[in-house]
Amino acid sequence: MRINWEKSTSLPLGIEETFFGMLNNKLIYLCGFNGGIANSFTGTDKDTKAEKYIRGFKNEGYYLDLNNITHTWKSIPNFPSTERQGGRTVCIDNTMYCYGGFAYTPVRNPGPLTNYKKKQAFRTLQDGYALNYTDNQWIWSELPNLPTSMSGFGMTKINNYIYICCGAHREPHYNCPNLMVKVKSKNNENIEIGRTLYRLDINNLDKGWQEYDTFPGTLRFNPAMTSIGDDIYIIGGIYPNQSWISKKDISKRYFNINDNWKYNTVTKKWSLIKSNIYNGLSNWGPCNDEIVYKDRYIILIGGYSYRYFMEMNKRVKNSLYNGKFSNKIFIYDTVTETCNSDNTLFCKINAPDYIVRNNKIYLIGGESVKYQFEDEYFGKHSDVFAIGDIVNLPKKN
């Protein structure tokens, strides 16, 4: 298959790691982070998009009605809690479920002599809220808290259940400024964040999140997690070094992940995916689970290459390391268990937010290199909105 991209109406703000979903053919995004004017295309106050690059976390929300010929982003009620990035979203019927993320107090003017964040305020978040759209009304309601505060976990839905797995945690008092997958409890016991697969019955919210099974793979955050039928797929992600080794070499702060998993929610059986989806990259981490085409093909966009990867909890050198964002698009065929990387994106990007519906891919924001797409320039935390058209190519004889 071939994916052809075209630019559509840019976002009101440059953004990364938002809540992103679709209800009634309306694209919706909320929250996220922008690194400020230094991350605009020119990096100066004279940038033509300076008003879109205001540093800090956001809780604003916008929607775009795909039924309208003119694509226009319009405001919706703000997210009713802490501004954040790195949360996760699923949409069921006419409701969008938003959970978790992280926040800190960003320094006003980032630069080589600053630490970019105040460690005491750096924390993951535990709360969740549902956005319902009925009779042209947007209504927020509170959801049961996550089992612990988390960011970058995987989240997907099957029927009336929402599942979460993996993820990272941090509390303000930690000395390490990293998101962590292993933490000490008050009793000094080691706790593995994301080791448990939880599920939430949206028809019985009073029961809260219930333990469902144990994840056997490498601990991680920012995986791509989705579902097809009764099966859940957990692909890629990042393993964070549990100590902050260097402020100069980020390649040793995080490791790519090379073990990918399939889980059947009926038989409760985990199986290791044999196909090599990795190819030197991971950290796809889309904020929602709608990344499947034709109930068969899992689409993974962009990513980042670190110096090492973790494979079944063992650190191994990444032979394809380049320390850069990627413009590759991986398409994993869950039937033939093969992976194709013939397609590329219009820029090199890490953890973009995107939704696959029918034969379209709707992509917004992300963390990228600065680039030009068609006649428009985009910064690091991009205001891009692009639509990919999936074209099925004729089979070769």
Protein backbone atom coordinates (compact mmCIF):
# COMPACT_ATOMS: atom_id res chain seq x y z
CA MET A 1 0.00 0.00 0.00
CA ARG A 2 1.00 3.62 -0.51
CA ILE A 3 0.28 6.62 1.75
CA ASN A 4 -0.03 10.02 0.07
CA TRP A 5 0.08 13.05 2.37
CA GLU A 6 -1.41 16.51 2.02
CA LYS A 7 -1.44 19.47 4.38
CA SER A 8 -4.71 20.72 5.86
CA THR A 9 -5.67 23.58 8.23
CA SER A 10 -2.88 24.09 10.78
CA LEU A 11 -3.57 23.78 14.50
CA PRO A 12 -4.23 26.87 16.64
CA LEU A 13 -1.08 26.01 18.66
CA GLY A 14 2.14 24.09 18.15
CA ILE A 15 1.81 21.02 20.32
CA GLU A 16 3.15 17.57 21.28
CA GLU A 17 1.65 14.61 23.16
CA THR A 18 -2.00 15.63 23.32
CA PHE A 19 -5.24 13.84 24.01
CA PHE A 20 -6.41 13.09 20.45
CA GLY A 21 -9.61 11.36 19.39
CA MET A 22 -12.57 11.36 17.02
CA LEU A 23 -16.28 11.53 17.86
CA ASN A 24 -19.03 11.71 15.22
CA ASN A 25 -16.47 12.50 12.51
CA LYS A 26 -15.08 15.33 14.59
CA LEU A 27 -11.34 15.35 15.35
CA ILE A 28 -10.64 16.50 18.91
CA TYR A 29 -7.40 17.40 20.65
CA LEU A 30 -6.74 18.70 24.16
CA CYS A 31 -3.77 19.56 26.37
CA GLY A 32 -0.15 18.92 25.32
CA PHE A 33 3.08 20.89 25.61
CA ASN A 34 4.83 23.61 23.63
CA GLY A 35 8.51 24.42 24.15
CA GLY A 36 8.19 28.12 23.29
CA ILE A 37 9.56 30.47 20.67
CA ALA A 38 12.94 28.71 20.58
CA ASN A 39 11.11 25.75 19.03
CA SER A 40 9.47 27.77 16.24
CA PHE A 41 10.91 27.47 12.73
CA THR A 42 13.17 30.53 13.03
CA GLY A 43 13.57 30.39 16.82
CA THR A 44 13.01 34.15 17.17
CA ASP A 45 10.21 36.49 18.25
CA LYS A 46 9.89 37.58 14.62
CA ASP A 47 8.71 34.15 13.55
CA THR A 48 5.45 34.36 11.59
CA LYS A 49 3.93 31.82 13.99
CA ALA A 50 5.23 33.36 17.21
CA GLU A 51 1.73 33.44 18.72
CA LYS A 52 1.53 29.64 18.34
CA TYR A 53 4.74 29.02 20.29
CA ILE A 54 3.96 30.02 23.87
CA ARG A 55 5.96 27.88 26.27
CA GLY A 56 4.15 25.67 28.73
CA PHE A 57 1.57 22.95 29.27
CA LYS A 58 -1.91 23.40 27.87
CA ASN A 59 -5.46 22.44 28.78
CA GLU A 60 -7.21 24.07 25.81
CA GLY A 61 -9.33 21.91 23.55
CA TYR A 62 -10.30 22.15 19.87
CA TYR A 63 -12.31 20.19 17.35
CA LEU A 64 -12.51 20.05 13.56
CA ASP A 65 -15.61 18.74 11.78
CA LEU A 66 -14.50 16.57 8.87
CA ASN A 67 -17.99 16.81 7.38
CA ASN A 68 -17.40 20.48 6.58
CA ILE A 69 -15.68 21.24 3.30
CA THR A 70 -13.73 24.04 4.98
CA HIS A 71 -11.61 22.51 7.73
CA THR A 72 -11.67 24.89 10.70
CA TRP A 73 -10.50 24.30 14.27
CA LYS A 74 -13.02 25.50 16.88
CA SER A 75 -12.78 25.71 20.67
CA ILE A 76 -14.40 23.26 23.07
CA PRO A 77 -14.51 23.41 26.90
CA ASN A 78 -11.03 23.18 28.42
CA PHE A 79 -9.79 19.96 29.98
CA PRO A 80 -11.12 20.23 33.57
CA SER A 81 -7.89 19.44 35.42
CA THR A 82 -4.12 20.03 35.42
CA GLU A 83 -2.47 21.10 32.16
CA ARG A 84 -0.37 18.17 30.92
CA GLN A 85 1.20 16.10 28.18
CA GLY A 86 1.76 12.37 27.68
CA GLY A 87 -1.74 11.18 28.60
CA ARG A 88 -3.72 8.57 26.69
CA THR A 89 -7.12 8.47 24.99
CA VAL A 90 -9.69 6.00 23.70
CA CYS A 91 -13.05 6.78 22.09
CA ILE A 92 -16.11 4.57 22.57
CA ASP A 93 -19.40 5.53 20.92
CA ASN A 94 -19.85 9.27 21.59
CA THR A 95 -17.42 9.53 24.53
CA MET A 96 -13.69 10.27 24.64
CA TYR A 97 -11.85 8.88 27.69
CA CYS A 98 -8.72 10.83 28.73
CA TYR A 99 -6.25 9.58 31.35
CA GLY A 100 -2.92 10.36 33.01
CA GLY A 101 0.11 12.25 31.71
CA PHE A 102 2.79 14.37 33.36
CA ALA A 103 3.49 18.00 34.19
CA TYR A 104 6.20 20.17 35.72
CA THR A 105 6.95 23.86 36.14
CA PRO A 106 8.88 24.77 32.99
CA VAL A 107 11.57 27.42 33.17
CA ARG A 108 10.57 30.54 31.27
CA ASN A 109 13.55 30.78 28.94
CA PRO A 110 15.16 27.39 28.21
CA GLY A 111 18.79 27.39 27.21
CA PRO A 112 22.10 25.56 27.64
CA LEU A 113 22.51 26.73 31.24
CA THR A 114 19.03 25.78 32.44
CA ASN A 115 17.69 22.44 33.58
CA TYR A 116 14.46 22.90 31.57
CA LYS A 117 12.28 21.91 34.49
CA LYS A 118 12.00 22.35 38.23
CA LYS A 119 12.50 18.84 39.59
CA GLN A 120 10.34 19.38 42.67
CA ALA A 121 7.29 19.99 40.49
CA PHE A 122 7.87 17.16 37.97
CA ARG A 123 5.13 14.61 38.53
CA THR A 124 2.94 12.07 36.76
CA LEU A 125 -0.84 12.33 37.04
CA GLN A 126 -3.50 9.84 38.09
CA ASP A 127 -6.83 11.40 37.17
CA GLY A 128 -9.11 10.79 34.22
CA TYR A 129 -12.05 12.55 32.58
CA ALA A 130 -14.61 11.65 29.94
CA LEU A 131 -15.73 14.07 27.24
CA ASN A 132 -19.22 13.30 25.93
CA TYR A 133 -20.68 14.82 22.79
CA THR A 134 -24.49 14.63 22.60
CA ASP A 135 -27.06 17.00 21.05
CA ASN A 136 -24.29 19.41 20.03
CA GLN A 137 -23.17 19.70 23.66
CA TRP A 138 -19.69 18.98 25.06
CA ILE A 139 -19.90 17.65 28.62
CA TRP A 140 -17.01 16.65 30.92
CA SER A 141 -17.37 14.07 33.71
CA GLU A 142 -14.88 12.64 36.20
CA LEU A 143 -13.62 9.06 35.88
CA PRO A 144 -12.11 6.64 38.45
CA ASN A 145 -8.42 7.34 39.07
CA LEU A 146 -5.70 5.20 37.52
CA PRO A 147 -4.19 2.56 39.85
CA THR A 148 -1.17 4.90 40.21
CA SER A 149 -0.08 8.14 38.59
CA MET A 150 1.36 7.32 35.16
CA SER A 151 2.42 8.73 31.83
CA GLY A 152 3.09 7.10 28.47
CA PHE A 153 1.16 3.92 29.22
CA GLY A 154 -0.64 1.99 26.52
CA MET A 155 -4.44 2.15 26.42
CA THR A 156 -6.96 0.42 24.18
CA LYS A 157 -10.58 -0.73 24.21
CA ILE A 158 -12.47 -3.93 23.45
CA ASN A 159 -16.27 -3.72 23.62
CA ASN A 160 -17.16 -2.00 26.91
CA TYR A 161 -13.71 -2.48 28.49
CA ILE A 162 -10.71 -0.16 28.51
CA TYR A 163 -7.31 -1.80 29.04
CA ILE A 164 -4.04 -0.18 30.17
CA CYS A 165 -0.52 -1.60 30.43
CA CYS A 166 3.09 -0.37 30.68
CA GLY A 167 3.82 3.28 31.54
CA ALA A 168 6.16 5.32 33.74
CA HIS A 169 5.83 7.09 37.08
CA ARG A 170 7.44 9.95 38.95
CA GLU A 171 6.74 11.84 42.16
CA PRO A 172 8.01 15.38 42.89
CA HIS A 173 10.45 14.33 45.64
CA TYR A 174 12.51 11.96 43.45
CA ASN A 175 16.12 13.05 42.91
CA CYS A 176 16.20 11.53 39.43
CA PRO A 177 14.56 13.85 36.86
CA ASN A 178 13.62 10.86 34.73
CA LEU A 179 10.31 9.11 34.32
CA MET A 180 10.80 5.69 35.93
CA VAL A 181 9.43 2.19 35.45
CA LYS A 182 10.77 0.93 38.79
CA VAL A 183 10.13 2.83 42.03
CA LYS A 184 10.54 2.29 45.76
CA SER A 185 7.43 2.01 47.90
CA LYS A 186 7.09 3.53 51.38
CA ASN A 187 8.24 0.14 52.70
CA ASN A 188 11.33 0.34 50.46
CA GLU A 189 10.00 -2.40 48.20
CA ASN A 190 10.60 -2.36 44.45
CA ILE A 191 7.45 -1.69 42.44
CA GLU A 192 7.38 -2.25 38.69
CA ILE A 193 5.19 0.35 37.04
CA GLY A 194 3.27 -1.04 34.09
CA ARG A 195 3.81 -4.70 34.94
CA THR A 196 0.06 -5.22 35.49
CA LEU A 197 -2.55 -5.22 32.75
CA TYR A 198 -5.63 -3.44 34.13
CA ARG A 199 -9.09 -3.06 32.73
CA LEU A 200 -12.03 -0.73 33.38
CA ASP A 201 -15.66 -1.59 32.66
CA ILE A 202 -17.23 1.64 31.37
CA ASN A 203 -20.67 0.23 32.28
CA ASN A 204 -19.56 -0.28 35.90
CA LEU A 205 -17.27 2.65 36.64
CA ASP A 206 -17.86 2.33 40.39
CA LYS A 207 -15.68 -0.80 40.39
CA GLY A 208 -12.70 1.21 39.14
CA TRP A 209 -9.64 -0.32 37.51
CA GLN A 210 -9.30 -4.08 38.07
CA GLU A 211 -6.13 -6.17 37.80
CA TYR A 212 -6.53 -8.49 34.82
CA ASP A 213 -3.14 -10.09 34.10
CA THR A 214 0.64 -9.66 34.31
CA PHE A 215 2.73 -8.33 31.41
CA PRO A 216 5.74 -10.65 30.78
CA GLY A 217 7.80 -8.31 28.58
CA THR A 218 10.39 -5.60 29.18
CA LEU A 219 9.06 -2.70 31.24
CA ARG A 220 8.51 0.37 29.09
CA PHE A 221 6.60 3.54 28.42
CA ASN A 222 5.38 5.09 25.14
CA PRO A 223 4.50 1.80 23.45
CA ALA A 224 2.04 1.59 20.58
CA MET A 225 -0.90 -0.32 22.06
CA THR A 226 -4.00 -1.28 20.09
CA SER A 227 -6.54 -4.06 19.68
CA ILE A 228 -7.94 -6.18 16.85
CA GLY A 229 -10.87 -8.39 17.79
CA ASP A 230 -10.08 -9.99 21.16
CA ASP A 231 -6.32 -9.44 20.78
CA ILE A 232 -4.22 -6.63 22.26
CA TYR A 233 -0.90 -5.62 20.67
CA ILE A 234 1.93 -3.89 22.57
CA ILE A 235 4.73 -2.74 20.27
CA GLY A 236 7.92 -0.79 20.95
CA GLY A 237 8.34 1.89 23.58
CA ILE A 238 11.18 3.25 25.71
CA TYR A 239 13.03 1.83 28.69
CA PRO A 240 14.27 4.73 30.86
CA ASN A 241 17.65 4.40 32.53
CA GLN A 242 16.86 4.39 36.24
CA SER A 243 19.66 6.86 36.99
CA TRP A 244 20.38 10.12 35.17
CA ILE A 245 23.78 9.23 33.74
CA SER A 246 24.62 12.25 31.65
CA LYS A 247 23.17 15.66 30.89
CA LYS A 248 25.03 15.68 27.59
CA ASP A 249 24.43 12.24 26.08
CA ILE A 250 20.70 11.49 26.00
CA SER A 251 21.41 8.23 24.16
CA LYS A 252 22.14 6.66 27.56
CA ARG A 253 19.04 8.06 29.25
CA TYR A 254 16.58 5.98 27.25
CA PHE A 255 16.74 2.66 25.40
CA ASN A 256 14.68 1.37 22.48
CA ILE A 257 12.52 -1.71 23.06
CA ASN A 258 12.79 -4.80 20.85
CA ASP A 259 10.30 -7.30 22.32
CA ASN A 260 6.73 -6.90 21.08
CA TRP A 261 3.67 -8.72 22.35
CA LYS A 262 0.21 -10.00 21.49
CA TYR A 263 -2.35 -10.84 24.18
CA ASN A 264 -5.67 -12.65 23.83
CA THR A 265 -8.16 -11.26 26.34
CA VAL A 266 -10.32 -14.42 26.24
CA THR A 267 -7.66 -17.10 26.74
CA LYS A 268 -5.42 -14.71 28.74
CA LYS A 269 -2.42 -15.91 26.75
CA TRP A 270 0.62 -13.75 25.92
CA SER A 271 2.69 -14.50 22.82
CA LEU A 272 5.91 -12.88 21.62
CA ILE A 273 5.65 -11.34 18.15
CA LYS A 274 8.36 -12.97 16.05
CA SER A 275 8.50 -10.41 13.24
CA ASN A 276 11.25 -7.77 13.55
CA ILE A 277 9.19 -4.58 13.76
CA TYR A 278 12.00 -2.73 15.51
CA ASN A 279 14.53 -1.82 12.74
CA GLY A 280 16.60 0.35 15.09
CA LEU A 281 13.66 2.51 16.18
CA SER A 282 10.84 2.66 18.71
CA ASN A 283 9.14 5.34 20.83
CA TRP A 284 6.17 5.58 18.49
CA GLY A 285 3.87 6.19 21.46
CA PRO A 286 0.70 7.51 19.78
CA CYS A 287 -1.70 8.89 22.39
CA ASN A 288 -4.63 6.76 21.20
CA ASP A 289 -5.24 3.24 19.94
CA GLU A 290 -6.79 3.94 16.52
CA ILE A 291 -3.72 2.99 14.50
CA VAL A 292 -5.08 -0.04 12.61
CA TYR A 293 -6.07 -0.20 8.94
CA LYS A 294 -8.67 -2.75 7.77
CA ASP A 295 -8.59 -4.55 11.15
CA ARG A 296 -5.26 -6.03 10.08
CA TYR A 297 -2.42 -3.55 9.51
CA ILE A 298 -0.87 -1.69 12.46
CA ILE A 299 0.63 1.61 11.28
CA LEU A 300 3.64 3.02 13.18
CA ILE A 301 4.89 6.50 12.26
CA GLY A 302 8.28 8.10 12.94
CA GLY A 303 10.22 7.18 16.08
CA TYR A 304 13.67 7.74 17.54
CA SER A 305 16.90 5.77 17.48
CA TYR A 306 18.80 5.40 20.78
CA ARG A 307 22.28 3.96 21.26
CA TYR A 308 21.00 0.86 23.07
CA PHE A 309 17.86 -1.22 23.13
CA MET A 310 16.41 -3.48 25.77
CA GLU A 311 15.48 -6.99 24.71
CA MET A 312 13.83 -9.11 27.39
CA ASN A 313 15.43 -6.93 30.08
CA LYS A 314 18.93 -7.18 28.59
CA ARG A 315 20.75 -4.12 27.24
CA VAL A 316 22.17 -4.57 23.73
CA LYS A 317 23.91 -2.13 21.39
CA ASN A 318 21.72 -0.76 18.63
CA SER A 319 23.54 -1.55 15.38
CA LEU A 320 21.29 0.93 13.54
CA TYR A 321 21.80 3.79 16.02
CA ASN A 322 21.88 7.32 14.60
CA GLY A 323 20.45 9.46 17.42
CA LYS A 324 17.86 11.06 15.15
CA PHE A 325 14.14 11.30 14.59
CA SER A 326 12.78 9.16 11.76
CA ASN A 327 10.45 9.70 8.81
CA LYS A 328 9.82 5.98 8.33
CA ILE A 329 6.35 4.49 8.41
CA PHE A 330 6.20 0.84 9.48
CA ILE A 331 3.17 -1.25 8.56
CA TYR A 332 2.87 -4.50 10.51
CA ASP A 333 0.61 -7.13 8.93
CA THR A 334 -0.93 -9.06 11.83
CA VAL A 335 -2.06 -11.89 9.52
CA THR A 336 1.21 -12.67 7.72
CA GLU A 337 3.29 -11.36 10.67
CA THR A 338 5.48 -9.33 8.33
CA CYS A 339 6.56 -5.70 8.43
CA ASN A 340 6.86 -3.21 5.56
CA SER A 341 8.68 0.14 5.67
CA ASP A 342 8.34 1.36 2.08
CA ASN A 343 6.45 4.54 3.07
CA THR A 344 7.91 7.73 4.50
CA LEU A 345 6.44 10.81 6.17
CA PHE A 346 6.90 14.43 5.04
CA CYS A 347 9.21 15.11 8.02
CA LYS A 348 11.33 13.35 10.64
CA ILE A 349 9.25 13.05 13.79
CA ASN A 350 8.94 11.37 17.17
CA ALA A 351 5.67 10.30 18.84
CA PRO A 352 3.20 12.11 16.57
CA ASP A 353 -0.50 11.88 17.36
CA TYR A 354 -2.51 10.21 14.61
CA ILE A 355 -5.76 8.38 13.97
CA VAL A 356 -6.48 5.80 11.26
CA ARG A 357 -10.09 5.77 10.05
CA ASN A 358 -11.22 3.97 6.89
CA ASN A 359 -8.55 4.81 4.28
CA LYS A 360 -7.35 8.03 5.96
CA ILE A 361 -4.67 8.89 8.51
CA TYR A 362 -5.19 12.12 10.47
CA LEU A 363 -1.92 13.37 11.99
CA ILE A 364 -1.27 16.37 14.25
CA GLY A 365 1.66 17.93 16.12
CA GLY A 366 4.50 15.86 17.53
CA GLU A 367 8.17 16.46 18.25
CA SER A 368 10.08 16.85 15.01
CA VAL A 369 12.94 18.49 13.21
CA LYS A 370 12.07 21.94 11.86
CA TYR A 371 10.79 21.53 8.32
CA GLN A 372 8.85 22.86 5.34
CA PHE A 373 5.77 20.98 4.17
CA GLU A 374 4.29 22.19 0.89
CA ASP A 375 4.26 26.01 1.26
CA GLU A 376 4.33 26.21 5.07
CA TYR A 377 7.09 26.12 7.71
CA PHE A 378 6.81 24.17 10.95
CA GLY A 379 8.78 24.20 14.19
CA LYS A 380 9.86 21.47 16.60
CA HIS A 381 6.55 21.26 18.48
CA SER A 382 4.53 21.48 15.32
CA ASP A 383 1.13 22.98 14.51
CA VAL A 384 0.80 20.67 11.52
CA PHE A 385 -2.42 18.90 10.58
CA ALA A 386 -1.95 16.48 7.71
CA ILE A 387 -4.15 13.87 6.08
CA GLY A 388 -2.70 10.68 4.64
CA ASP A 389 -4.62 8.87 1.92
CA ILE A 390 -4.04 5.10 2.00
CA VAL A 391 -3.96 3.64 -1.49
CA ASN A 392 -3.98 -0.11 -2.05
CA LEU A 393 -1.52 -0.99 -4.78
CA PRO A 394 -2.26 -3.83 -7.22
CA LYS A 395 -0.60 -7.12 -6.33
CA LYS A 396 2.47 -8.11 -8.31
CA ASN A 397 2.18 -11.17 -10.51
